[in-house]
Amino acid sequence: MIVLNGGSSSGKSSIARRLQERLPQPWLHLGADTMVDALPPWLLGGDEGIGGLTDGDGTVEVGPAFAELDAAWTVGVAAMARAGARIVVDEVFLGTTASQARWRAALDGLDVLWVGVRCDPAVAAAREAARGDRVAGMAAAQAEAVHQGVAYDLVVDTSRTSVDGCADAVLARMAADR
């Protein structure tokens, strides 16, 4: 397992796709967007689901129904890894240390590389604006917040290093850990 944690528009998905291209075996790319895309539409907003993805000031609010499904998602991804799937998880630790603790518990006993994907808030905001599919302010709000108190094996910075360079760093760390 590789867990990439970073804010919106930090480059996690780009790194995950590059790793899929370069790793010798097939790896699945699953993440926060995969989970959100699987939700029923009525959970995209409101007090029960996840709010702030389509309107607001960039702050994401998580309700109890979303939290319950997200916890089940985490356990399900871990079950896939235990069944032999190689997985790159592209995640946004909105709950910072609590989010990582939930993933650590689910992935207990598995070989996991924890990667922090950092990006300068201004660079992430410019990417967010260019994408056009995110609420303005989300990238800047998450750029530092999702890393607070989170422990990593490796940290990459996509505002200073290319996607290829970040993938190279992940691959080098994987080779060193063997």
Protein backbone atom coordinates (compact mmCIF):
# COMPACT_ATOMS: atom_id res chain seq x y z
CA MET A 1 0.00 0.00 0.00
CA ILE A 2 0.99 3.54 -0.71
CA VAL A 3 -1.01 6.25 1.05
CA LEU A 4 -0.67 9.71 -0.48
CA ASN A 5 -2.10 12.45 1.75
CA GLY A 6 -2.42 16.03 0.65
CA GLY A 7 -4.86 18.84 0.11
CA SER A 8 -7.09 19.33 -2.89
CA SER A 9 -5.16 20.06 -6.11
CA SER A 10 -1.83 19.16 -4.50
CA GLY A 11 -0.98 16.59 -7.21
CA LYS A 12 -1.84 13.31 -5.47
CA SER A 13 -3.79 11.87 -8.39
CA SER A 14 -1.09 12.82 -10.87
CA ILE A 15 1.55 11.09 -8.74
CA ALA A 16 -0.69 8.02 -8.34
CA ARG A 17 -1.22 7.77 -12.11
CA ARG A 18 2.52 8.14 -12.76
CA LEU A 19 3.25 5.40 -10.22
CA GLN A 20 0.72 3.14 -11.97
CA GLU A 21 2.62 3.70 -15.22
CA ARG A 22 6.01 2.99 -13.70
CA LEU A 23 5.48 0.23 -11.14
CA PRO A 24 6.26 -3.23 -12.54
CA GLN A 25 3.03 -4.83 -11.26
CA PRO A 26 -0.53 -3.52 -11.62
CA TRP A 27 -1.61 -1.15 -8.85
CA LEU A 28 -5.12 0.18 -8.23
CA HIS A 29 -5.58 3.91 -7.65
CA LEU A 30 -8.36 4.59 -5.14
CA GLY A 31 -9.02 7.70 -3.18
CA ALA A 32 -11.14 10.40 -1.71
CA ASP A 33 -12.62 11.31 -5.10
CA THR A 34 -13.45 7.65 -5.78
CA MET A 35 -15.33 7.49 -2.49
CA VAL A 36 -17.15 10.79 -3.06
CA ASP A 37 -18.11 9.77 -6.62
CA ALA A 38 -19.72 6.60 -5.21
CA LEU A 39 -22.00 8.51 -2.81
CA PRO A 40 -25.69 8.98 -3.43
CA PRO A 41 -26.30 12.57 -4.57
CA TRP A 42 -28.31 13.47 -1.46
CA LEU A 43 -25.15 13.03 0.66
CA LEU A 44 -23.31 15.69 -1.35
CA GLY A 45 -24.28 18.53 0.94
CA GLY A 46 -26.34 18.96 4.04
CA ASP A 47 -25.74 17.98 7.61
CA GLU A 48 -25.63 14.19 7.08
CA GLY A 49 -23.18 13.95 4.18
CA ILE A 50 -20.24 15.97 3.01
CA GLY A 51 -20.73 19.67 2.45
CA GLY A 52 -18.63 22.30 0.77
CA LEU A 53 -17.68 20.33 -2.33
CA THR A 54 -19.94 22.29 -4.67
CA ASP A 55 -20.43 25.62 -2.89
CA GLY A 56 -19.19 27.69 0.00
CA ASP A 57 -15.82 29.08 0.98
CA GLY A 58 -13.72 25.96 0.44
CA THR A 59 -14.35 24.51 3.89
CA VAL A 60 -15.42 20.85 3.81
CA GLU A 61 -17.89 19.70 6.46
CA VAL A 62 -18.32 16.00 7.22
CA GLY A 63 -21.61 14.69 8.61
CA PRO A 64 -22.31 11.40 10.41
CA ALA A 65 -23.66 9.45 7.40
CA PHE A 66 -20.57 10.33 5.36
CA ALA A 67 -18.25 9.52 8.29
CA GLU A 68 -19.86 6.08 8.66
CA LEU A 69 -19.47 5.29 4.96
CA ASP A 70 -15.93 6.68 4.91
CA ALA A 71 -14.96 4.38 7.80
CA ALA A 72 -16.42 1.40 5.95
CA TRP A 73 -14.59 2.50 2.77
CA THR A 74 -11.27 2.52 4.65
CA VAL A 75 -11.82 -1.01 5.99
CA GLY A 76 -12.90 -2.17 2.52
CA VAL A 77 -9.76 -0.79 0.86
CA ALA A 78 -7.67 -2.52 3.53
CA ALA A 79 -9.53 -5.80 2.84
CA MET A 80 -8.66 -5.49 -0.85
CA ALA A 81 -5.00 -5.03 0.07
CA ARG A 82 -5.13 -8.06 2.38
CA ALA A 83 -6.60 -10.05 -0.52
CA GLY A 84 -3.51 -9.22 -2.59
CA ALA A 85 -4.37 -6.01 -4.43
CA ARG A 86 -1.60 -3.44 -4.65
CA ILE A 87 -3.20 -0.06 -3.94
CA VAL A 88 -2.22 3.58 -4.12
CA VAL A 89 -4.61 5.53 -1.92
CA ASP A 90 -5.04 9.21 -2.72
CA GLU A 91 -6.47 10.72 0.47
CA VAL A 92 -7.24 14.04 2.15
CA PHE A 93 -6.84 13.75 5.92
CA LEU A 94 -9.50 16.32 6.85
CA GLY A 95 -9.34 14.96 10.40
CA THR A 96 -5.51 15.11 10.38
CA THR A 97 -4.18 12.73 13.04
CA ALA A 98 -7.60 11.09 13.57
CA SER A 99 -7.81 10.34 9.84
CA GLN A 100 -4.36 8.80 9.83
CA ALA A 101 -5.14 6.81 12.98
CA ARG A 102 -8.25 5.35 11.29
CA TRP A 103 -6.20 4.33 8.24
CA ARG A 104 -3.38 2.95 10.43
CA ALA A 105 -5.85 0.79 12.35
CA ALA A 106 -7.43 -0.51 9.14
CA LEU A 107 -4.03 -1.20 7.54
CA ASP A 108 -2.46 -2.78 10.62
CA GLY A 109 -0.14 -5.62 9.61
CA LEU A 110 0.19 -4.44 6.00
CA ASP A 111 3.30 -2.96 4.40
CA VAL A 112 2.40 0.73 3.96
CA LEU A 113 4.40 3.67 2.64
CA TRP A 114 2.99 6.92 4.05
CA VAL A 115 3.64 9.86 1.71
CA GLY A 116 2.85 13.49 2.43
CA VAL A 117 2.09 15.40 -0.76
CA ARG A 118 2.71 19.06 -0.04
CA CYS A 119 2.03 21.99 -2.31
CA ASP A 120 2.41 25.71 -1.77
CA PRO A 121 -1.11 27.08 -1.09
CA ALA A 122 -0.83 29.64 -3.91
CA VAL A 123 0.24 26.97 -6.41
CA ALA A 124 -2.57 24.65 -5.29
CA ALA A 125 -5.07 27.53 -5.59
CA ALA A 126 -3.91 28.25 -9.16
CA ARG A 127 -4.30 24.56 -10.06
CA GLU A 128 -7.75 24.55 -8.45
CA ALA A 129 -8.82 27.55 -10.56
CA ALA A 130 -7.45 25.93 -13.74
CA ARG A 131 -9.33 22.68 -13.01
CA GLY A 132 -12.66 24.38 -12.67
CA ASP A 133 -14.20 21.45 -10.78
CA ARG A 134 -13.44 22.55 -7.23
CA VAL A 135 -14.85 25.25 -4.97
CA ALA A 136 -12.51 28.23 -4.81
CA GLY A 137 -10.60 28.25 -1.54
CA MET A 138 -10.56 24.50 -0.92
CA ALA A 139 -6.96 23.99 -2.06
CA ALA A 140 -5.58 26.87 0.01
CA ALA A 141 -7.61 25.85 3.07
CA GLN A 142 -6.37 22.26 2.93
CA ALA A 143 -2.76 22.80 1.79
CA GLU A 144 -1.27 22.86 5.29
CA ALA A 145 -4.20 21.75 7.46
CA VAL A 146 -4.30 18.12 6.26
CA HIS A 147 -0.67 17.60 7.33
CA GLN A 148 -0.91 18.85 10.92
CA GLY A 149 0.40 16.14 13.25
CA VAL A 150 0.50 13.50 10.49
CA ALA A 151 3.59 11.25 10.36
CA TYR A 152 5.12 10.25 7.02
CA ASP A 153 7.82 7.97 5.68
CA LEU A 154 8.39 10.42 2.83
CA VAL A 155 7.31 13.96 1.97
CA VAL A 156 7.26 15.34 -1.58
CA ASP A 157 6.44 18.89 -2.67
CA THR A 158 4.73 19.23 -6.04
CA SER A 159 5.25 22.99 -6.12
CA ARG A 160 9.02 22.40 -6.18
CA THR A 161 9.31 18.98 -7.84
CA SER A 162 7.73 17.60 -11.01
CA VAL A 163 5.29 14.70 -10.98
CA ASP A 164 8.08 12.51 -12.37
CA GLY A 165 10.44 13.67 -9.63
CA CYS A 166 7.85 12.95 -6.94
CA ALA A 167 7.18 9.49 -8.41
CA ASP A 168 10.95 8.90 -8.53
CA ALA A 169 11.20 9.73 -4.82
CA VAL A 170 8.38 7.29 -3.98
CA LEU A 171 9.93 4.54 -6.10
CA ALA A 172 13.36 5.12 -4.54
CA ARG A 173 11.88 4.92 -1.05
CA MET A 174 10.07 1.69 -1.96
CA ALA A 175 13.32 0.20 -3.27
CA ALA A 176 15.22 1.29 -0.15
CA ASP A 177 12.59 -0.30 2.11
CA ARG A 178 12.95 -3.73 0.48
